[in-house]
Amino acid sequence: MNEMNQLERFRAAVPRPDLADLHEQERRLLTAIGTGPSGPLRRRRPMPRPVAGLAVVVLAVAAMVGLTLMQDKAGTATSYANAAIDIRLRGDEYVATIKDPFADHALYSEGFQALGLDVGLQLVPASPTRVGDIVRYGSSGTDGDDRLGGGLSPEGCAPGSPDCALTVTVSKGFSGKGVVYLGRPARPGERYEAHARAEAKGEMLEGYDPVERTVGEVLAEVRRRGLNSVHQVITPAEDGDGFSVGPGDRSAEVRDHWIVWAAEPERAGTVRLLVSEKRVAKNPVYGDSGPETRTG
């Protein structure tokens, strides 16, 4: 049952006022103050009449929305909750638990602002092993005691299970301005904005190393696992450090003898292969060793 249905039930439970009775009470009141039949009567703008049970409906709506703000005896805000986020002061930091990872970003920021914190939070779709990771964050105007953090709670839990939650931590008295991008589970078919390498444990090509193999070799493994693939053609830098990507889609040019320099999760069931036509001495994506993760 959705919120509008619940609201209609509350409205139905509120007794409707008897209009005839209200009119009679109004006539008596006008008579008592000298503006009824026994005194001069002037036309007045109709006054709004109270609706019986209005307070009950208002309280019911507030309960459904779920907005709460708590303070201690000193007036310090200690907790805030709405439909998307629950923030509580625990020791020397606020711990924000994400209740709805697909909510509007403004609802997360609203929670921090209610507690006097200038912190923005955005959740971005991530491949399985990046869910709960802080993809990136930034801050300004902070001092040495200001801290931002986040992750899964409890640490190491399985995302999507009932007792596993995405959390963000902010130090009490955070004085600057901060923004946190946190990896969340992707919707079906949604492209990842943060990902690990496709061969990482828990990702689609776990246990298979695609790096510096031919496209034909890697595609055979991709198909064997029942996956799809897309190609991104790159041009290695002449000095061997880095690469560039030209305009337009050149994936139709790719042939089986081309070289795969990296494989990345694109979306559930699809990997993206970064390829070039010729082999070069140094991996243009990872260099000699390369990072374990990249942000898409």
C-alpha atoms as a PDB file:
ATOM      1  CA  MET A   1       0.000   0.000   0.000  1.00  0.00           C
ATOM      2  CA  ASN A   2       1.475   3.372  -0.975  1.00  0.00           C
ATOM      3  CA  GLU A   3       1.485   6.598   1.067  1.00  0.00           C
ATOM      4  CA  MET A   4      -1.498   8.135  -0.770  1.00  0.00           C
ATOM      5  CA  ASN A   5      -3.629   5.085   0.016  1.00  0.00           C
ATOM      6  CA  GLN A   6      -2.590   5.319   3.671  1.00  0.00           C
ATOM      7  CA  LEU A   7      -3.478   9.017   3.729  1.00  0.00           C
ATOM      8  CA  GLU A   8      -6.926   8.286   2.281  1.00  0.00           C
ATOM      9  CA  ARG A   9      -7.488   5.706   5.022  1.00  0.00           C
ATOM     10  CA  PHE A  10      -6.600   8.287   7.675  1.00  0.00           C
ATOM     11  CA  ARG A  11      -8.940  10.796   6.054  1.00  0.00           C
ATOM     12  CA  ALA A  12     -11.757   8.250   5.975  1.00  0.00           C
ATOM     13  CA  ALA A  13     -11.254   7.555   9.691  1.00  0.00           C
ATOM     14  CA  VAL A  14     -11.695  11.229  10.615  1.00  0.00           C
ATOM     15  CA  PRO A  15     -15.373  12.058  11.390  1.00  0.00           C
ATOM     16  CA  ARG A  16     -16.768  14.620   8.973  1.00  0.00           C
ATOM     17  CA  PRO A  17     -18.217  17.783  10.560  1.00  0.00           C
ATOM     18  CA  ASP A  18     -21.992  18.211  10.624  1.00  0.00           C
ATOM     19  CA  LEU A  19     -22.504  21.314   8.444  1.00  0.00           C
ATOM     20  CA  ALA A  20     -25.925  22.094   9.897  1.00  0.00           C
ATOM     21  CA  ASP A  21     -24.473  22.006  13.401  1.00  0.00           C
ATOM     22  CA  LEU A  22     -21.609  24.279  12.356  1.00  0.00           C
ATOM     23  CA  HIS A  23     -24.053  26.775  10.851  1.00  0.00           C
ATOM     24  CA  GLU A  24     -26.081  26.818  14.075  1.00  0.00           C
ATOM     25  CA  GLN A  25     -22.931  27.412  16.179  1.00  0.00           C
ATOM     26  CA  GLU A  26     -21.954  30.250  13.851  1.00  0.00           C
ATOM     27  CA  ARG A  27     -25.418  31.881  14.192  1.00  0.00           C
ATOM     28  CA  ARG A  28     -25.209  31.736  17.979  1.00  0.00           C
ATOM     29  CA  LEU A  29     -21.708  33.222  17.983  1.00  0.00           C
ATOM     30  CA  LEU A  30     -22.777  36.152  15.767  1.00  0.00           C
ATOM     31  CA  THR A  31     -25.718  36.831  18.035  1.00  0.00           C
ATOM     32  CA  ALA A  32     -23.502  36.789  21.134  1.00  0.00           C
ATOM     33  CA  ILE A  33     -21.119  39.421  19.728  1.00  0.00           C
ATOM     34  CA  GLY A  34     -23.908  41.678  18.500  1.00  0.00           C
ATOM     35  CA  THR A  35     -23.736  41.055  14.793  1.00  0.00           C
ATOM     36  CA  GLY A  36     -26.577  38.560  14.521  1.00  0.00           C
ATOM     37  CA  PRO A  37     -30.313  39.179  14.272  1.00  0.00           C
ATOM     38  CA  SER A  38     -30.245  41.424  17.385  1.00  0.00           C
ATOM     39  CA  GLY A  39     -27.554  43.750  16.003  1.00  0.00           C
ATOM     40  CA  PRO A  40     -26.232  45.196  12.753  1.00  0.00           C
ATOM     41  CA  LEU A  41     -24.901  42.592  10.381  1.00  0.00           C
ATOM     42  CA  ARG A  42     -22.216  43.437   7.858  1.00  0.00           C
ATOM     43  CA  ARG A  43     -21.009  41.227   5.071  1.00  0.00           C
ATOM     44  CA  ARG A  44     -17.684  39.688   6.068  1.00  0.00           C
ATOM     45  CA  ARG A  45     -15.169  37.576   4.227  1.00  0.00           C
ATOM     46  CA  PRO A  46     -15.977  33.948   5.101  1.00  0.00           C
ATOM     47  CA  MET A  47     -13.663  32.628   7.799  1.00  0.00           C
ATOM     48  CA  PRO A  48     -12.115  29.203   7.303  1.00  0.00           C
ATOM     49  CA  ARG A  49     -13.861  26.626   9.401  1.00  0.00           C
ATOM     50  CA  PRO A  50     -11.885  24.114  11.450  1.00  0.00           C
ATOM     51  CA  VAL A  51     -11.947  20.593  10.130  1.00  0.00           C
ATOM     52  CA  ALA A  52     -12.373  17.987  12.821  1.00  0.00           C
ATOM     53  CA  GLY A  53      -9.434  15.613  13.069  1.00  0.00           C
ATOM     54  CA  LEU A  54      -7.030  17.779  11.041  1.00  0.00           C
ATOM     55  CA  ALA A  55      -4.300  17.343  13.658  1.00  0.00           C
ATOM     56  CA  VAL A  56      -4.659  13.579  13.376  1.00  0.00           C
ATOM     57  CA  VAL A  57      -4.155  13.731   9.599  1.00  0.00           C
ATOM     58  CA  VAL A  58      -1.120  16.029   9.909  1.00  0.00           C
ATOM     59  CA  LEU A  59       0.504  13.717  12.445  1.00  0.00           C
ATOM     60  CA  ALA A  60      -0.234  10.722  10.251  1.00  0.00           C
ATOM     61  CA  VAL A  61       1.424  12.378   7.236  1.00  0.00           C
ATOM     62  CA  ALA A  62       4.483  13.304   9.308  1.00  0.00           C
ATOM     63  CA  ALA A  63       4.763   9.721  10.486  1.00  0.00           C
ATOM     64  CA  MET A  64       4.625   8.422   6.922  1.00  0.00           C
ATOM     65  CA  VAL A  65       7.289  10.875   5.725  1.00  0.00           C
ATOM     66  CA  GLY A  66       9.418   9.883   8.699  1.00  0.00           C
ATOM     67  CA  LEU A  67      11.170  13.181   9.391  1.00  0.00           C
ATOM     68  CA  THR A  68      12.822  13.353  12.824  1.00  0.00           C
ATOM     69  CA  LEU A  69      15.375  15.697  14.358  1.00  0.00           C
ATOM     70  CA  MET A  70      16.677  15.102  17.885  1.00  0.00           C
ATOM     71  CA  GLN A  71      18.775  17.378  20.096  1.00  0.00           C
ATOM     72  CA  ASP A  72      20.580  16.930  23.396  1.00  0.00           C
ATOM     73  CA  LYS A  73      20.101  19.145  26.473  1.00  0.00           C
ATOM     74  CA  ALA A  74      22.705  21.587  25.165  1.00  0.00           C
ATOM     75  CA  GLY A  75      20.751  22.040  21.940  1.00  0.00           C
ATOM     76  CA  THR A  76      23.225  20.077  19.816  1.00  0.00           C
ATOM     77  CA  ALA A  77      21.537  18.114  17.049  1.00  0.00           C
ATOM     78  CA  THR A  78      22.256  14.438  17.637  1.00  0.00           C
ATOM     79  CA  SER A  79      20.232  12.649  14.969  1.00  0.00           C
ATOM     80  CA  TYR A  80      18.151  13.161  11.855  1.00  0.00           C
ATOM     81  CA  ALA A  81      16.151  10.774   9.715  1.00  0.00           C
ATOM     82  CA  ASN A  82      14.044  10.966   6.584  1.00  0.00           C
ATOM     83  CA  ALA A  83      12.960   8.410   4.022  1.00  0.00           C
ATOM     84  CA  ALA A  84      16.446   8.193   2.482  1.00  0.00           C
ATOM     85  CA  ILE A  85      18.972   8.493   5.306  1.00  0.00           C
ATOM     86  CA  ASP A  86      19.365   8.030   9.052  1.00  0.00           C
ATOM     87  CA  ILE A  87      22.143  10.033  10.742  1.00  0.00           C
ATOM     88  CA  ARG A  88      23.152   9.563  14.377  1.00  0.00           C
ATOM     89  CA  LEU A  89      25.901  11.052  16.524  1.00  0.00           C
ATOM     90  CA  ARG A  90      28.079   8.243  17.873  1.00  0.00           C
ATOM     91  CA  GLY A  91      30.977   9.420  19.963  1.00  0.00           C
ATOM     92  CA  ASP A  92      32.944  12.013  18.013  1.00  0.00           C
ATOM     93  CA  GLU A  93      31.391  11.366  14.599  1.00  0.00           C
ATOM     94  CA  TYR A  94      28.075  11.255  12.798  1.00  0.00           C
ATOM     95  CA  VAL A  95      27.242   7.916  11.189  1.00  0.00           C
ATOM     96  CA  ALA A  96      24.842   8.149   8.254  1.00  0.00           C
ATOM     97  CA  THR A  97      23.064   4.939   7.250  1.00  0.00           C
ATOM     98  CA  ILE A  98      21.632   4.914   3.733  1.00  0.00           C
ATOM     99  CA  LYS A  99      18.024   3.701   3.861  1.00  0.00           C
ATOM    100  CA  ASP A 100      17.289   4.173   0.154  1.00  0.00           C
ATOM    101  CA  PRO A 101      20.350   4.009  -2.161  1.00  0.00           C
ATOM    102  CA  PHE A 102      18.239   5.163  -5.136  1.00  0.00           C
ATOM    103  CA  ALA A 103      16.795   8.297  -3.515  1.00  0.00           C
ATOM    104  CA  ASP A 104      17.246  11.840  -4.786  1.00  0.00           C
ATOM    105  CA  HIS A 105      20.667  13.150  -3.759  1.00  0.00           C
ATOM    106  CA  ALA A 106      19.002  16.202  -2.211  1.00  0.00           C
ATOM    107  CA  LEU A 107      17.483  14.023   0.522  1.00  0.00           C
ATOM    108  CA  TYR A 108      20.946  12.950   1.677  1.00  0.00           C
ATOM    109  CA  SER A 109      22.267  16.520   1.752  1.00  0.00           C
ATOM    110  CA  GLU A 110      19.101  17.622   3.566  1.00  0.00           C
ATOM    111  CA  GLY A 111      19.950  15.285   6.414  1.00  0.00           C
ATOM    112  CA  PHE A 112      23.465  16.626   6.891  1.00  0.00           C
ATOM    113  CA  GLN A 113      22.318  20.247   6.592  1.00  0.00           C
ATOM    114  CA  ALA A 114      19.720  19.673   9.315  1.00  0.00           C
ATOM    115  CA  LEU A 115      22.627  18.791  11.602  1.00  0.00           C
ATOM    116  CA  GLY A 116      24.627  21.865  10.608  1.00  0.00           C
ATOM    117  CA  LEU A 117      26.992  19.987   8.276  1.00  0.00           C
ATOM    118  CA  ASP A 118      27.817  21.233   4.779  1.00  0.00           C
ATOM    119  CA  VAL A 119      28.223  17.778   3.268  1.00  0.00           C
ATOM    120  CA  GLY A 120      26.874  16.544  -0.035  1.00  0.00           C
ATOM    121  CA  LEU A 121      26.434  12.851  -0.804  1.00  0.00           C
ATOM    122  CA  GLN A 122      25.935  11.197  -4.170  1.00  0.00           C
ATOM    123  CA  LEU A 123      25.572   7.477  -4.736  1.00  0.00           C
ATOM    124  CA  VAL A 124      26.830   6.160  -8.071  1.00  0.00           C
ATOM    125  CA  PRO A 125      26.260   2.720  -9.655  1.00  0.00           C
ATOM    126  CA  ALA A 126      29.245   0.455  -9.053  1.00  0.00           C
ATOM    127  CA  SER A 127      30.385  -3.007 -10.040  1.00  0.00           C
ATOM    128  CA  PRO A 128      29.948  -5.636  -7.297  1.00  0.00           C
ATOM    129  CA  THR A 129      33.310  -5.233  -5.562  1.00  0.00           C
ATOM    130  CA  ARG A 130      33.107  -1.427  -5.506  1.00  0.00           C
ATOM    131  CA  VAL A 131      29.741  -1.249  -3.754  1.00  0.00           C
ATOM    132  CA  GLY A 132      30.306   0.573  -0.473  1.00  0.00           C
ATOM    133  CA  ASP A 133      33.596   2.119  -1.595  1.00  0.00           C
ATOM    134  CA  ILE A 134      34.142   5.851  -1.528  1.00  0.00           C
ATOM    135  CA  VAL A 135      34.693   6.367  -5.243  1.00  0.00           C
ATOM    136  CA  ARG A 136      35.993   9.880  -4.691  1.00  0.00           C
ATOM    137  CA  TYR A 137      35.500  12.756  -2.298  1.00  0.00           C
ATOM    138  CA  GLY A 138      36.572  16.315  -1.864  1.00  0.00           C
ATOM    139  CA  SER A 139      36.576  18.944   0.832  1.00  0.00           C
ATOM    140  CA  SER A 140      37.498  22.575   1.319  1.00  0.00           C
ATOM    141  CA  GLY A 141      37.842  24.919   4.270  1.00  0.00           C
ATOM    142  CA  THR A 142      38.490  22.040   6.658  1.00  0.00           C
ATOM    143  CA  ASP A 143      40.957  21.717   9.521  1.00  0.00           C
ATOM    144  CA  GLY A 144      43.029  18.805  10.767  1.00  0.00           C
ATOM    145  CA  ASP A 145      40.196  17.352  12.837  1.00  0.00           C
ATOM    146  CA  ASP A 146      37.673  17.192   9.997  1.00  0.00           C
ATOM    147  CA  ARG A 147      37.156  13.690   8.591  1.00  0.00           C
ATOM    148  CA  LEU A 148      35.002  12.032   5.953  1.00  0.00           C
ATOM    149  CA  GLY A 149      34.688   8.284   5.564  1.00  0.00           C
ATOM    150  CA  GLY A 150      32.337   5.516   4.579  1.00  0.00           C
ATOM    151  CA  GLY A 151      31.834   1.905   3.598  1.00  0.00           C
ATOM    152  CA  LEU A 152      29.723  -1.135   4.359  1.00  0.00           C
ATOM    153  CA  SER A 153      28.408  -1.773   7.847  1.00  0.00           C
ATOM    154  CA  PRO A 154      29.282  -4.189   9.260  1.00  0.00           C
ATOM    155  CA  GLU A 155      32.599  -4.150   7.427  1.00  0.00           C
ATOM    156  CA  GLY A 156      32.908  -6.917   4.842  1.00  0.00           C
ATOM    157  CA  CYS A 157      29.188  -7.725   4.758  1.00  0.00           C
ATOM    158  CA  ALA A 158      27.430  -8.804   1.578  1.00  0.00           C
ATOM    159  CA  PRO A 159      25.755  -5.860  -0.194  1.00  0.00           C
ATOM    160  CA  GLY A 160      22.052  -6.427  -0.635  1.00  0.00           C
ATOM    161  CA  SER A 161      21.657  -8.638   2.434  1.00  0.00           C
ATOM    162  CA  PRO A 162      19.205  -7.397   5.100  1.00  0.00           C
ATOM    163  CA  ASP A 163      21.879  -6.637   7.708  1.00  0.00           C
ATOM    164  CA  CYS A 164      24.321  -4.913   5.337  1.00  0.00           C
ATOM    165  CA  ALA A 165      24.090  -1.146   4.907  1.00  0.00           C
ATOM    166  CA  LEU A 166      25.943   1.634   3.107  1.00  0.00           C
ATOM    167  CA  THR A 167      27.258   4.198   5.573  1.00  0.00           C
ATOM    168  CA  VAL A 168      29.058   7.548   5.543  1.00  0.00           C
ATOM    169  CA  THR A 169      30.889   9.014   8.527  1.00  0.00           C
ATOM    170  CA  VAL A 170      31.489  12.703   9.225  1.00  0.00           C
ATOM    171  CA  SER A 171      33.438  14.022  12.188  1.00  0.00           C
ATOM    172  CA  LYS A 172      31.460  15.988  14.783  1.00  0.00           C
ATOM    173  CA  GLY A 173      31.860  19.698  14.176  1.00  0.00           C
ATOM    174  CA  PHE A 174      32.959  19.234  10.545  1.00  0.00           C
ATOM    175  CA  SER A 175      33.799  22.841   9.737  1.00  0.00           C
ATOM    176  CA  GLY A 176      34.329  22.886   5.983  1.00  0.00           C
ATOM    177  CA  LYS A 177      32.463  21.824   2.886  1.00  0.00           C
ATOM    178  CA  GLY A 178      32.625  18.245   1.684  1.00  0.00           C
ATOM    179  CA  VAL A 179      31.199  15.947  -0.967  1.00  0.00           C
ATOM    180  CA  VAL A 180      31.303  12.153  -1.000  1.00  0.00           C
ATOM    181  CA  TYR A 181      30.651   9.829  -3.956  1.00  0.00           C
ATOM    182  CA  LEU A 182      29.786   6.361  -2.699  1.00  0.00           C
ATOM    183  CA  GLY A 183      29.365   3.206  -4.780  1.00  0.00           C
ATOM    184  CA  ARG A 184      25.889   1.662  -4.678  1.00  0.00           C
ATOM    185  CA  PRO A 185      24.380  -1.431  -6.340  1.00  0.00           C
ATOM    186  CA  ALA A 186      23.409  -0.752  -9.958  1.00  0.00           C
ATOM    187  CA  ARG A 187      19.895  -1.069 -11.283  1.00  0.00           C
ATOM    188  CA  PRO A 188      19.350  -3.760 -13.956  1.00  0.00           C
ATOM    189  CA  GLY A 189      21.074  -2.635 -17.157  1.00  0.00           C
ATOM    190  CA  GLU A 190      22.603   0.467 -15.562  1.00  0.00           C
ATOM    191  CA  ARG A 191      26.145   1.362 -16.612  1.00  0.00           C
ATOM    192  CA  TYR A 192      28.720   1.338 -13.840  1.00  0.00           C
ATOM    193  CA  GLU A 193      30.302   4.645 -12.910  1.00  0.00           C
ATOM    194  CA  ALA A 194      32.836   2.945 -10.658  1.00  0.00           C
ATOM    195  CA  HIS A 195      34.375  -0.453 -11.176  1.00  0.00           C
ATOM    196  CA  ALA A 196      37.191  -2.796 -10.329  1.00  0.00           C
ATOM    197  CA  ARG A 197      39.158  -4.673 -12.970  1.00  0.00           C
ATOM    198  CA  ALA A 198      36.990  -7.323 -14.625  1.00  0.00           C
ATOM    199  CA  GLU A 199      39.395 -10.071 -13.540  1.00  0.00           C
ATOM    200  CA  ALA A 200      39.251  -9.105  -9.851  1.00  0.00           C
ATOM    201  CA  LYS A 201      37.762 -11.540  -7.360  1.00  0.00           C
ATOM    202  CA  GLY A 202      33.992 -11.147  -7.364  1.00  0.00           C
ATOM    203  CA  GLU A 203      33.881  -9.597 -10.842  1.00  0.00           C
ATOM    204  CA  MET A 204      32.820 -11.144 -14.158  1.00  0.00           C
ATOM    205  CA  LEU A 205      36.203 -12.462 -15.339  1.00  0.00           C
ATOM    206  CA  GLU A 206      37.415 -13.620 -11.939  1.00  0.00           C
ATOM    207  CA  GLY A 207      40.253 -16.116 -12.297  1.00  0.00           C
ATOM    208  CA  TYR A 208      41.080 -15.184 -15.909  1.00  0.00           C
ATOM    209  CA  ASP A 209      43.770 -12.675 -16.897  1.00  0.00           C
ATOM    210  CA  PRO A 210      42.773 -10.867 -20.106  1.00  0.00           C
ATOM    211  CA  VAL A 211      45.603  -8.324 -20.095  1.00  0.00           C
ATOM    212  CA  GLU A 212      47.838  -8.339 -23.221  1.00  0.00           C
ATOM    213  CA  ARG A 213      45.996 -11.259 -24.783  1.00  0.00           C
ATOM    214  CA  THR A 214      44.495 -10.999 -28.249  1.00  0.00           C
ATOM    215  CA  VAL A 215      40.897  -9.934 -28.688  1.00  0.00           C
ATOM    216  CA  GLY A 216      40.086 -13.372 -30.119  1.00  0.00           C
ATOM    217  CA  GLU A 217      41.411 -15.143 -27.016  1.00  0.00           C
ATOM    218  CA  VAL A 218      39.529 -12.903 -24.602  1.00  0.00           C
ATOM    219  CA  LEU A 219      36.278 -13.054 -26.550  1.00  0.00           C
ATOM    220  CA  ALA A 220      36.374 -16.839 -26.435  1.00  0.00           C
ATOM    221  CA  GLU A 221      36.482 -16.674 -22.611  1.00  0.00           C
ATOM    222  CA  VAL A 222      33.802 -13.979 -22.494  1.00  0.00           C
ATOM    223  CA  ARG A 223      31.437 -16.123 -24.549  1.00  0.00           C
ATOM    224  CA  ARG A 224      32.271 -19.235 -22.533  1.00  0.00           C
ATOM    225  CA  ARG A 225      31.021 -17.405 -19.437  1.00  0.00           C
ATOM    226  CA  GLY A 226      27.843 -16.299 -21.163  1.00  0.00           C
ATOM    227  CA  LEU A 227      28.843 -12.640 -21.154  1.00  0.00           C
ATOM    228  CA  ASN A 228      28.622  -9.844 -23.696  1.00  0.00           C
ATOM    229  CA  SER A 229      31.408  -7.456 -24.648  1.00  0.00           C
ATOM    230  CA  VAL A 230      31.955  -3.977 -26.039  1.00  0.00           C
ATOM    231  CA  HIS A 231      35.186  -2.519 -27.405  1.00  0.00           C
ATOM    232  CA  GLN A 232      36.891   0.774 -26.710  1.00  0.00           C
ATOM    233  CA  VAL A 233      39.706   1.518 -29.152  1.00  0.00           C
ATOM    234  CA  ILE A 234      42.625   3.403 -27.576  1.00  0.00           C
ATOM    235  CA  THR A 235      45.787   4.944 -29.033  1.00  0.00           C
ATOM    236  CA  PRO A 236      48.858   4.340 -26.835  1.00  0.00           C
ATOM    237  CA  ALA A 237      51.024   7.417 -26.204  1.00  0.00           C
ATOM    238  CA  GLU A 238      54.299   7.485 -28.113  1.00  0.00           C
ATOM    239  CA  ASP A 239      56.341   7.559 -24.898  1.00  0.00           C
ATOM    240  CA  GLY A 240      54.446   4.555 -23.535  1.00  0.00           C
ATOM    241  CA  ASP A 241      52.785   6.470 -20.710  1.00  0.00           C
ATOM    242  CA  GLY A 242      49.012   6.597 -21.067  1.00  0.00           C
ATOM    243  CA  PHE A 243      46.692   6.608 -24.034  1.00  0.00           C
ATOM    244  CA  SER A 244      44.090   8.675 -25.827  1.00  0.00           C
ATOM    245  CA  VAL A 245      40.620   7.910 -27.121  1.00  0.00           C
ATOM    246  CA  GLY A 246      39.578   9.478 -30.402  1.00  0.00           C
ATOM    247  CA  PRO A 247      36.097  10.748 -31.266  1.00  0.00           C
ATOM    248  CA  GLY A 248      33.531   8.359 -32.649  1.00  0.00           C
ATOM    249  CA  ASP A 249      32.957   4.647 -32.221  1.00  0.00           C
ATOM    250  CA  ARG A 250      35.683   2.597 -33.879  1.00  0.00           C
ATOM    251  CA  SER A 251      34.647  -0.741 -32.398  1.00  0.00           C
ATOM    252  CA  ALA A 252      33.616  -2.064 -35.821  1.00  0.00           C
ATOM    253  CA  GLU A 253      37.279  -1.944 -36.858  1.00  0.00           C
ATOM    254  CA  VAL A 254      38.405  -4.340 -34.123  1.00  0.00           C
ATOM    255  CA  ARG A 255      39.781  -7.691 -35.283  1.00  0.00           C
ATOM    256  CA  ASP A 256      40.709 -10.827 -33.389  1.00  0.00           C
ATOM    257  CA  HIS A 257      44.477 -10.145 -33.608  1.00  0.00           C
ATOM    258  CA  TRP A 258      44.195  -6.769 -31.816  1.00  0.00           C
ATOM    259  CA  ILE A 259      45.556  -6.517 -28.258  1.00  0.00           C
ATOM    260  CA  VAL A 260      43.516  -6.217 -25.063  1.00  0.00           C
ATOM    261  CA  TRP A 261      45.167  -3.885 -22.532  1.00  0.00           C
ATOM    262  CA  ALA A 262      42.418  -3.909 -19.919  1.00  0.00           C
ATOM    263  CA  ALA A 263      38.978  -5.385 -19.277  1.00  0.00           C
ATOM    264  CA  GLU A 264      36.455  -3.497 -17.200  1.00  0.00           C
ATOM    265  CA  PRO A 265      32.900  -4.232 -16.086  1.00  0.00           C
ATOM    266  CA  GLU A 266      30.565  -2.141 -18.244  1.00  0.00           C
ATOM    267  CA  ARG A 267      27.253  -3.236 -16.712  1.00  0.00           C
ATOM    268  CA  ALA A 268      25.953  -6.523 -15.342  1.00  0.00           C
ATOM    269  CA  GLY A 269      26.717  -9.212 -17.918  1.00  0.00           C
ATOM    270  CA  THR A 270      28.872  -6.991 -20.158  1.00  0.00           C
ATOM    271  CA  VAL A 271      32.609  -6.305 -20.104  1.00  0.00           C
ATOM    272  CA  ARG A 272      34.393  -3.470 -21.897  1.00  0.00           C
ATOM    273  CA  LEU A 273      37.698  -4.314 -23.583  1.00  0.00           C
ATOM    274  CA  LEU A 274      40.262  -1.540 -24.060  1.00  0.00           C
ATOM    275  CA  VAL A 275      42.141  -2.504 -27.218  1.00  0.00           C
ATOM    276  CA  SER A 276      44.639  -1.261 -29.794  1.00  0.00           C
ATOM    277  CA  GLU A 277      45.639  -2.652 -33.164  1.00  0.00           C
ATOM    278  CA  LYS A 278      49.343  -3.074 -32.383  1.00  0.00           C
ATOM    279  CA  ARG A 279      51.215  -4.403 -29.401  1.00  0.00           C
ATOM    280  CA  VAL A 280      53.490  -1.925 -27.608  1.00  0.00           C
ATOM    281  CA  ALA A 281      56.276  -2.463 -25.081  1.00  0.00           C
ATOM    282  CA  LYS A 282      54.434  -0.955 -22.089  1.00  0.00           C
ATOM    283  CA  ASN A 283      50.819  -1.392 -21.063  1.00  0.00           C
ATOM    284  CA  PRO A 284      49.284   2.034 -21.829  1.00  0.00           C
ATOM    285  CA  VAL A 285      46.488   1.541 -19.290  1.00  0.00           C
ATOM    286  CA  TYR A 286      48.276   0.133 -16.262  1.00  0.00           C
ATOM    287  CA  GLY A 287      51.921   0.817 -17.014  1.00  0.00           C
ATOM    288  CA  ASP A 288      54.320  -1.743 -15.586  1.00  0.00           C
ATOM    289  CA  SER A 289      52.154  -2.679 -12.609  1.00  0.00           C
ATOM    290  CA  GLY A 290      48.982  -0.593 -12.682  1.00  0.00           C
ATOM    291  CA  PRO A 291      46.322   0.192 -10.116  1.00  0.00           C
ATOM    292  CA  GLU A 292      43.966  -2.439  -8.850  1.00  0.00           C
ATOM    293  CA  THR A 293      40.920  -0.291  -9.611  1.00  0.00           C
ATOM    294  CA  ARG A 294      39.887   2.472 -11.930  1.00  0.00           C
ATOM    295  CA  THR A 295      36.944   4.865 -11.841  1.00  0.00           C
ATOM    296  CA  GLY A 296      34.822   4.885 -14.982  1.00  0.00           C
END
